[in-house]
PDB file of N, CA and C in Angstrom:
ATOM      1  N   MET A   1      -5.892  -4.903 -17.704  1.00  0.00           N
ATOM      2  CA  MET A   1      -5.217  -6.173 -17.782  1.00  0.00           C
ATOM      3  C   MET A   1      -5.716  -6.890 -19.027  1.00  0.00           C
ATOM      4  N   SER A   2      -4.796  -7.379 -19.801  1.00  0.00           N
ATOM      5  CA  SER A   2      -5.204  -8.118 -20.991  1.00  0.00           C
ATOM      6  C   SER A   2      -4.857  -9.591 -20.822  1.00  0.00           C
ATOM      7  N   LEU A   3      -5.860 -10.402 -21.110  1.00  0.00           N
ATOM      8  CA  LEU A   3      -5.694 -11.848 -21.020  1.00  0.00           C
ATOM      9  C   LEU A   3      -5.324 -12.408 -22.381  1.00  0.00           C
ATOM     10  N   PRO A   4      -4.701 -13.573 -22.418  1.00  0.00           N
ATOM     11  CA  PRO A   4      -4.393 -14.199 -23.708  1.00  0.00           C
ATOM     12  C   PRO A   4      -5.689 -14.475 -24.478  1.00  0.00           C
ATOM     13  N   ASN A   5      -5.602 -14.412 -25.791  1.00  0.00           N
ATOM     14  CA  ASN A   5      -6.761 -14.676 -26.642  1.00  0.00           C
ATOM     15  C   ASN A   5      -6.972 -16.153 -26.921  1.00  0.00           C
ATOM     16  N   GLU A   6      -5.965 -16.957 -26.632  1.00  0.00           N
ATOM     17  CA  GLU A   6      -6.024 -18.391 -26.909  1.00  0.00           C
ATOM     18  C   GLU A   6      -5.646 -19.165 -25.658  1.00  0.00           C
ATOM     19  N   PRO A   7      -5.940 -20.467 -25.649  1.00  0.00           N
ATOM     20  CA  PRO A   7      -5.548 -21.269 -24.482  1.00  0.00           C
ATOM     21  C   PRO A   7      -4.043 -21.181 -24.221  1.00  0.00           C
ATOM     22  N   VAL A   8      -3.700 -21.262 -22.961  1.00  0.00           N
ATOM     23  CA  VAL A   8      -2.300 -21.203 -22.548  1.00  0.00           C
ATOM     24  C   VAL A   8      -1.847 -22.606 -22.179  1.00  0.00           C
ATOM     25  N   THR A   9      -0.716 -22.998 -22.714  1.00  0.00           N
ATOM     26  CA  THR A   9      -0.152 -24.303 -22.409  1.00  0.00           C
ATOM     27  C   THR A   9       1.153 -24.098 -21.654  1.00  0.00           C
ATOM     28  N   LEU A  10       1.258 -24.781 -20.533  1.00  0.00           N
ATOM     29  CA  LEU A  10       2.489 -24.723 -19.754  1.00  0.00           C
ATOM     30  C   LEU A  10       3.140 -26.102 -19.783  1.00  0.00           C
ATOM     31  N   SER A  11       4.448 -26.101 -19.879  1.00  0.00           N
ATOM     32  CA  SER A  11       5.169 -27.375 -19.833  1.00  0.00           C
ATOM     33  C   SER A  11       5.203 -27.877 -18.393  1.00  0.00           C
ATOM     34  N   VAL A  12       5.539 -29.130 -18.247  1.00  0.00           N
ATOM     35  CA  VAL A  12       5.680 -29.702 -16.904  1.00  0.00           C
ATOM     36  C   VAL A  12       6.738 -28.921 -16.132  1.00  0.00           C
ATOM     37  N   GLN A  13       7.795 -28.545 -16.814  1.00  0.00           N
ATOM     38  CA  GLN A  13       8.866 -27.774 -16.171  1.00  0.00           C
ATOM     39  C   GLN A  13       8.349 -26.411 -15.696  1.00  0.00           C
ATOM     40  N   GLN A  14       7.536 -25.744 -16.496  1.00  0.00           N
ATOM     41  CA  GLN A  14       6.977 -24.452 -16.097  1.00  0.00           C
ATOM     42  C   GLN A  14       6.040 -24.598 -14.898  1.00  0.00           C
ATOM     43  N   VAL A  15       5.222 -25.649 -14.914  1.00  0.00           N
ATOM     44  CA  VAL A  15       4.317 -25.888 -13.785  1.00  0.00           C
ATOM     45  C   VAL A  15       5.131 -26.169 -12.522  1.00  0.00           C
ATOM     46  N   GLU A  16       6.181 -26.954 -12.642  1.00  0.00           N
ATOM     47  CA  GLU A  16       7.035 -27.258 -11.492  1.00  0.00           C
ATOM     48  C   GLU A  16       7.702 -25.992 -10.967  1.00  0.00           C
ATOM     49  N   GLU A  17       8.150 -25.134 -11.848  1.00  0.00           N
ATOM     50  CA  GLU A  17       8.775 -23.878 -11.431  1.00  0.00           C
ATOM     51  C   GLU A  17       7.765 -22.995 -10.689  1.00  0.00           C
ATOM     52  N   LEU A  18       6.550 -22.925 -11.198  1.00  0.00           N
ATOM     53  CA  LEU A  18       5.508 -22.151 -10.514  1.00  0.00           C
ATOM     54  C   LEU A  18       5.186 -22.768  -9.151  1.00  0.00           C
ATOM     55  N   ARG A  19       5.157 -24.100  -9.091  1.00  0.00           N
ATOM     56  CA  ARG A  19       4.894 -24.767  -7.823  1.00  0.00           C
ATOM     57  C   ARG A  19       5.971 -24.432  -6.797  1.00  0.00           C
ATOM     58  N   LYS A  20       7.221 -24.423  -7.234  1.00  0.00           N
ATOM     59  CA  LYS A  20       8.323 -24.080  -6.336  1.00  0.00           C
ATOM     60  C   LYS A  20       8.207 -22.638  -5.854  1.00  0.00           C
ATOM     61  N   LYS A  21       7.855 -21.740  -6.765  1.00  0.00           N
ATOM     62  CA  LYS A  21       7.715 -20.333  -6.388  1.00  0.00           C
ATOM     63  C   LYS A  21       6.544 -20.133  -5.433  1.00  0.00           C
ATOM     64  N   LEU A  22       5.454 -20.847  -5.659  1.00  0.00           N
ATOM     65  CA  LEU A  22       4.306 -20.772  -4.759  1.00  0.00           C
ATOM     66  C   LEU A  22       4.684 -21.304  -3.382  1.00  0.00           C
ATOM     67  N   SER A  23       5.394 -22.416  -3.349  1.00  0.00           N
ATOM     68  CA  SER A  23       5.830 -22.991  -2.083  1.00  0.00           C
ATOM     69  C   SER A  23       6.740 -22.022  -1.325  1.00  0.00           C
ATOM     70  N   SER A  24       7.641 -21.399  -2.054  1.00  0.00           N
ATOM     71  CA  SER A  24       8.552 -20.420  -1.454  1.00  0.00           C
ATOM     72  C   SER A  24       7.778 -19.223  -0.905  1.00  0.00           C
ATOM     73  N   MET A  25       6.790 -18.746  -1.674  1.00  0.00           N
ATOM     74  CA  MET A  25       5.992 -17.612  -1.221  1.00  0.00           C
ATOM     75  C   MET A  25       5.233 -17.980   0.050  1.00  0.00           C
ATOM     76  N   ARG A  26       4.616 -19.170   0.066  1.00  0.00           N
ATOM     77  CA  ARG A  26       3.881 -19.596   1.270  1.00  0.00           C
ATOM     78  C   ARG A  26       4.808 -19.646   2.477  1.00  0.00           C
ATOM     79  N   HIS A  27       6.001 -20.189   2.293  1.00  0.00           N
ATOM     80  CA  HIS A  27       6.978 -20.276   3.373  1.00  0.00           C
ATOM     81  C   HIS A  27       7.339 -18.877   3.891  1.00  0.00           C
ATOM     82  N   ASP A  28       7.630 -17.965   2.977  1.00  0.00           N
ATOM     83  CA  ASP A  28       8.020 -16.612   3.369  1.00  0.00           C
ATOM     84  C   ASP A  28       6.881 -15.873   4.063  1.00  0.00           C
ATOM     85  N   VAL A  29       5.659 -16.002   3.543  1.00  0.00           N
ATOM     86  CA  VAL A  29       4.506 -15.346   4.171  1.00  0.00           C
ATOM     87  C   VAL A  29       4.279 -15.928   5.565  1.00  0.00           C
ATOM     88  N   ASN A  30       4.378 -17.243   5.699  1.00  0.00           N
ATOM     89  CA  ASN A  30       4.228 -17.853   7.019  1.00  0.00           C
ATOM     90  C   ASN A  30       5.286 -17.356   7.997  1.00  0.00           C
ATOM     91  N   ASN A  31       6.508 -17.153   7.521  1.00  0.00           N
ATOM     92  CA  ASN A  31       7.558 -16.602   8.389  1.00  0.00           C
ATOM     93  C   ASN A  31       7.194 -15.200   8.863  1.00  0.00           C
ATOM     94  N   HIS A  32       6.702 -14.366   7.956  1.00  0.00           N
ATOM     95  CA  HIS A  32       6.309 -13.008   8.340  1.00  0.00           C
ATOM     96  C   HIS A  32       5.147 -13.041   9.337  1.00  0.00           C
ATOM     97  N   LEU A  33       4.181 -13.923   9.101  1.00  0.00           N
ATOM     98  CA  LEU A  33       3.057 -14.047  10.034  1.00  0.00           C
ATOM     99  C   LEU A  33       3.522 -14.558  11.391  1.00  0.00           C
ATOM    100  N   SER A  34       4.499 -15.451  11.406  1.00  0.00           N
ATOM    101  CA  SER A  34       5.048 -15.950  12.668  1.00  0.00           C
ATOM    102  C   SER A  34       5.706 -14.825  13.456  1.00  0.00           C
ATOM    103  N   LEU A  35       6.377 -13.927  12.758  1.00  0.00           N
ATOM    104  CA  LEU A  35       6.986 -12.779  13.435  1.00  0.00           C
ATOM    105  C   LEU A  35       5.920 -11.873  14.045  1.00  0.00           C
ATOM    106  N   ILE A  36       4.807 -11.716  13.360  1.00  0.00           N
ATOM    107  CA  ILE A  36       3.718 -10.904  13.898  1.00  0.00           C
ATOM    108  C   ILE A  36       3.169 -11.535  15.177  1.00  0.00           C
ATOM    109  N   VAL A  37       2.923 -12.835  15.135  1.00  0.00           N
ATOM    110  CA  VAL A  37       2.398 -13.541  16.309  1.00  0.00           C
ATOM    111  C   VAL A  37       3.407 -13.470  17.460  1.00  0.00           C
ATOM    112  N   ALA A  38       4.678 -13.700  17.161  1.00  0.00           N
ATOM    113  CA  ALA A  38       5.703 -13.659  18.208  1.00  0.00           C
ATOM    114  C   ALA A  38       5.813 -12.270  18.821  1.00  0.00           C
ATOM    115  N   ALA A  39       5.776 -11.237  18.005  1.00  0.00           N
ATOM    116  CA  ALA A  39       5.861  -9.866  18.516  1.00  0.00           C
ATOM    117  C   ALA A  39       4.661  -9.552  19.402  1.00  0.00           C
ATOM    118  N   ALA A  40       3.476  -9.972  18.989  1.00  0.00           N
ATOM    119  CA  ALA A  40       2.275  -9.729  19.793  1.00  0.00           C
ATOM    120  C   ALA A  40       2.366 -10.455  21.137  1.00  0.00           C
ATOM    121  N   GLU A  41       2.849 -11.689  21.103  1.00  0.00           N
ATOM    122  CA  GLU A  41       3.000 -12.452  22.351  1.00  0.00           C
ATOM    123  C   GLU A  41       4.016 -11.791  23.280  1.00  0.00           C
ATOM    124  N   LEU A  42       5.137 -11.355  22.714  1.00  0.00           N
ATOM    125  CA  LEU A  42       6.150 -10.686  23.541  1.00  0.00           C
ATOM    126  C   LEU A  42       5.611  -9.407  24.160  1.00  0.00           C
ATOM    127  N   MET A  43       4.846  -8.641  23.390  1.00  0.00           N
ATOM    128  CA  MET A  43       4.267  -7.403  23.925  1.00  0.00           C
ATOM    129  C   MET A  43       3.277  -7.710  25.042  1.00  0.00           C
ATOM    130  N   LYS A  44       2.531  -8.791  24.892  1.00  0.00           N
ATOM    131  CA  LYS A  44       1.556  -9.180  25.912  1.00  0.00           C
ATOM    132  C   LYS A  44       2.283  -9.606  27.194  1.00  0.00           C
ATOM    133  N   LEU A  45       3.345 -10.373  27.049  1.00  0.00           N
ATOM    134  CA  LEU A  45       4.074 -10.885  28.208  1.00  0.00           C
ATOM    135  C   LEU A  45       5.017  -9.853  28.832  1.00  0.00           C
ATOM    136  N   ASN A  46       5.544  -8.969  27.999  1.00  0.00           N
ATOM    137  CA  ASN A  46       6.503  -7.974  28.479  1.00  0.00           C
ATOM    138  C   ASN A  46       6.211  -6.625  27.822  1.00  0.00           C
ATOM    139  N   PRO A  47       5.359  -5.828  28.441  1.00  0.00           N
ATOM    140  CA  PRO A  47       4.976  -4.541  27.847  1.00  0.00           C
ATOM    141  C   PRO A  47       6.154  -3.608  27.550  1.00  0.00           C
ATOM    142  N   ASP A  48       7.304  -3.831  28.171  1.00  0.00           N
ATOM    143  CA  ASP A  48       8.478  -3.000  27.899  1.00  0.00           C
ATOM    144  C   ASP A  48       8.990  -3.176  26.469  1.00  0.00           C
ATOM    145  N   THR A  49       8.588  -4.225  25.796  1.00  0.00           N
ATOM    146  CA  THR A  49       9.059  -4.497  24.434  1.00  0.00           C
ATOM    147  C   THR A  49       8.179  -3.855  23.354  1.00  0.00           C
ATOM    148  N   VAL A  50       7.138  -3.133  23.762  1.00  0.00           N
ATOM    149  CA  VAL A  50       6.169  -2.593  22.795  1.00  0.00           C
ATOM    150  C   VAL A  50       6.853  -1.750  21.724  1.00  0.00           C
ATOM    151  N   GLY A  51       7.737  -0.856  22.100  1.00  0.00           N
ATOM    152  CA  GLY A  51       8.393   0.008  21.111  1.00  0.00           C
ATOM    153  C   GLY A  51       9.146  -0.783  20.061  1.00  0.00           C
ATOM    154  N   ARG A  52       9.947  -1.714  20.505  1.00  0.00           N
ATOM    155  CA  ARG A  52      10.743  -2.520  19.584  1.00  0.00           C
ATOM    156  C   ARG A  52       9.871  -3.462  18.752  1.00  0.00           C
ATOM    157  N   MET A  53       8.886  -4.069  19.387  1.00  0.00           N
ATOM    158  CA  MET A  53       8.030  -5.024  18.679  1.00  0.00           C
ATOM    159  C   MET A  53       7.072  -4.330  17.707  1.00  0.00           C
ATOM    160  N   THR A  54       6.735  -3.080  17.992  1.00  0.00           N
ATOM    161  CA  THR A  54       5.887  -2.322  17.062  1.00  0.00           C
ATOM    162  C   THR A  54       6.587  -2.177  15.720  1.00  0.00           C
ATOM    163  N   VAL A  55       7.884  -1.968  15.747  1.00  0.00           N
ATOM    164  CA  VAL A  55       8.658  -1.881  14.508  1.00  0.00           C
ATOM    165  C   VAL A  55       8.548  -3.206  13.744  1.00  0.00           C
ATOM    166  N   THR A  56       8.739  -4.312  14.450  1.00  0.00           N
ATOM    167  CA  THR A  56       8.635  -5.629  13.817  1.00  0.00           C
ATOM    168  C   THR A  56       7.243  -5.831  13.231  1.00  0.00           C
ATOM    169  N   LEU A  57       6.213  -5.461  13.990  1.00  0.00           N
ATOM    170  CA  LEU A  57       4.837  -5.618  13.510  1.00  0.00           C
ATOM    171  C   LEU A  57       4.574  -4.810  12.247  1.00  0.00           C
ATOM    172  N   THR A  58       5.025  -3.578  12.220  1.00  0.00           N
ATOM    173  CA  THR A  58       4.720  -2.717  11.070  1.00  0.00           C
ATOM    174  C   THR A  58       5.557  -3.048   9.840  1.00  0.00           C
ATOM    175  N   GLU A  59       6.670  -3.743  10.021  1.00  0.00           N
ATOM    176  CA  GLU A  59       7.496  -4.131   8.872  1.00  0.00           C
ATOM    177  C   GLU A  59       6.927  -5.323   8.101  1.00  0.00           C
ATOM    178  N   GLN A  60       6.135  -6.145   8.750  1.00  0.00           N
ATOM    179  CA  GLN A  60       5.717  -7.403   8.135  1.00  0.00           C
ATOM    180  C   GLN A  60       4.676  -7.268   7.020  1.00  0.00           C
ATOM    181  N   PRO A  61       3.603  -6.472   7.169  1.00  0.00           N
ATOM    182  CA  PRO A  61       2.616  -6.401   6.075  1.00  0.00           C
ATOM    183  C   PRO A  61       3.191  -5.995   4.720  1.00  0.00           C
ATOM    184  N   PRO A  62       4.074  -4.981   4.636  1.00  0.00           N
ATOM    185  CA  PRO A  62       4.643  -4.682   3.319  1.00  0.00           C
ATOM    186  C   PRO A  62       5.486  -5.828   2.756  1.00  0.00           C
ATOM    187  N   LYS A  63       6.150  -6.559   3.622  1.00  0.00           N
ATOM    188  CA  LYS A  63       6.947  -7.705   3.164  1.00  0.00           C
ATOM    189  C   LYS A  63       6.034  -8.802   2.622  1.00  0.00           C
ATOM    190  N   ILE A  64       4.908  -9.027   3.294  1.00  0.00           N
ATOM    191  CA  ILE A  64       3.941 -10.017   2.820  1.00  0.00           C
ATOM    192  C   ILE A  64       3.393  -9.586   1.470  1.00  0.00           C
ATOM    193  N   SER A  65       3.030  -8.322   1.362  1.00  0.00           N
ATOM    194  CA  SER A  65       2.506  -7.787   0.097  1.00  0.00           C
ATOM    195  C   SER A  65       3.516  -7.950  -1.031  1.00  0.00           C
ATOM    196  N   GLU A  66       4.786  -7.715  -0.742  1.00  0.00           N
ATOM    197  CA  GLU A  66       5.846  -7.864  -1.743  1.00  0.00           C
ATOM    198  C   GLU A  66       5.970  -9.315  -2.200  1.00  0.00           C
ATOM    199  N   GLU A  67       5.901 -10.240  -1.260  1.00  0.00           N
ATOM    200  CA  GLU A  67       5.981 -11.665  -1.606  1.00  0.00           C
ATOM    201  C   GLU A  67       4.837 -12.058  -2.544  1.00  0.00           C
ATOM    202  N   ILE A  68       3.638 -11.610  -2.217  1.00  0.00           N
ATOM    203  CA  ILE A  68       2.469 -11.937  -3.031  1.00  0.00           C
ATOM    204  C   ILE A  68       2.573 -11.277  -4.400  1.00  0.00           C
ATOM    205  N   SER A  69       2.999 -10.025  -4.435  1.00  0.00           N
ATOM    206  CA  SER A  69       3.153  -9.314  -5.710  1.00  0.00           C
ATOM    207  C   SER A  69       4.190  -9.975  -6.604  1.00  0.00           C
ATOM    208  N   ARG A  70       5.275 -10.412  -6.010  1.00  0.00           N
ATOM    209  CA  ARG A  70       6.338 -11.068  -6.780  1.00  0.00           C
ATOM    210  C   ARG A  70       5.815 -12.363  -7.411  1.00  0.00           C
ATOM    211  N   PHE A  71       5.090 -13.168  -6.628  1.00  0.00           N
ATOM    212  CA  PHE A  71       4.548 -14.401  -7.176  1.00  0.00           C
ATOM    213  C   PHE A  71       3.493 -14.099  -8.238  1.00  0.00           C
ATOM    214  N   SER A  72       2.640 -13.117  -7.979  1.00  0.00           N
ATOM    215  CA  SER A  72       1.606 -12.754  -8.960  1.00  0.00           C
ATOM    216  C   SER A  72       2.225 -12.348 -10.289  1.00  0.00           C
ATOM    217  N   ALA A  73       3.302 -11.589 -10.234  1.00  0.00           N
ATOM    218  CA  ALA A  73       3.976 -11.162 -11.462  1.00  0.00           C
ATOM    219  C   ALA A  73       4.526 -12.366 -12.223  1.00  0.00           C
ATOM    220  N   GLU A  74       5.113 -13.310 -11.503  1.00  0.00           N
ATOM    221  CA  GLU A  74       5.638 -14.522 -12.146  1.00  0.00           C
ATOM    222  C   GLU A  74       4.508 -15.349 -12.763  1.00  0.00           C
ATOM    223  N   LEU A  75       3.406 -15.479 -12.036  1.00  0.00           N
ATOM    224  CA  LEU A  75       2.269 -16.242 -12.547  1.00  0.00           C
ATOM    225  C   LEU A  75       1.690 -15.576 -13.787  1.00  0.00           C
ATOM    226  N   GLU A  76       1.492 -14.253 -13.724  1.00  0.00           N
ATOM    227  CA  GLU A  76       0.956 -13.532 -14.876  1.00  0.00           C
ATOM    228  C   GLU A  76       1.876 -13.643 -16.075  1.00  0.00           C
ATOM    229  N   LYS A  77       3.172 -13.562 -15.835  1.00  0.00           N
ATOM    230  CA  LYS A  77       4.133 -13.711 -16.935  1.00  0.00           C
ATOM    231  C   LYS A  77       4.019 -15.093 -17.561  1.00  0.00           C
ATOM    232  N   SER A  78       3.933 -16.127 -16.735  1.00  0.00           N
ATOM    233  CA  SER A  78       3.828 -17.493 -17.242  1.00  0.00           C
ATOM    234  C   SER A  78       2.545 -17.714 -18.040  1.00  0.00           C
ATOM    235  N   LEU A  79       1.476 -17.037 -17.633  1.00  0.00           N
ATOM    236  CA  LEU A  79       0.186 -17.213 -18.306  1.00  0.00           C
ATOM    237  C   LEU A  79      -0.049 -16.213 -19.429  1.00  0.00           C
ATOM    238  N   GLY A  80       0.891 -15.318 -19.645  1.00  0.00           N
ATOM    239  CA  GLY A  80       0.754 -14.344 -20.728  1.00  0.00           C
ATOM    240  C   GLY A  80      -0.250 -13.242 -20.416  1.00  0.00           C
ATOM    241  N   ILE A  81      -0.414 -12.918 -19.148  1.00  0.00           N
ATOM    242  CA  ILE A  81      -1.322 -11.851 -18.736  1.00  0.00           C
ATOM    243  C   ILE A  81      -0.516 -10.561 -18.641  1.00  0.00           C
ATOM    244  N   HIS A  82      -1.006  -9.513 -19.276  1.00  0.00           N
ATOM    245  CA  HIS A  82      -0.308  -8.226 -19.291  1.00  0.00           C
ATOM    246  C   HIS A  82      -1.159  -7.170 -18.601  1.00  0.00           C
ATOM    247  N   ARG A  83      -0.542  -6.440 -17.717  1.00  0.00           N
ATOM    248  CA  ARG A  83      -1.247  -5.335 -17.041  1.00  0.00           C
ATOM    249  C   ARG A  83      -1.181  -4.098 -17.913  1.00  0.00           C
ATOM    250  N   GLY A  84      -2.307  -3.406 -17.957  1.00  0.00           N
ATOM    251  CA  GLY A  84      -2.421  -2.220 -18.805  1.00  0.00           C
ATOM    252  C   GLY A  84      -1.670  -1.074 -18.278  1.00  0.00           C
TER     253      GLY A  84
END
């Protein structure tokens, strides 16, 4: 990963755009975590749902990872950070 050699300046508009993207990422990650909690609760209350809820549980971590990766890429782009 290569970092910029000089200070990075972001405009107010760029900072606002990053803030919006961060807010969106937090919202999406919280939604995925809510699905995990709901699936676990349903499995606890109704063991017959384990098969179906297991699918929901296993789908969420990759979605969370994707959300974080997408925001990280946007942040790195804004800051001029390049991956080797």
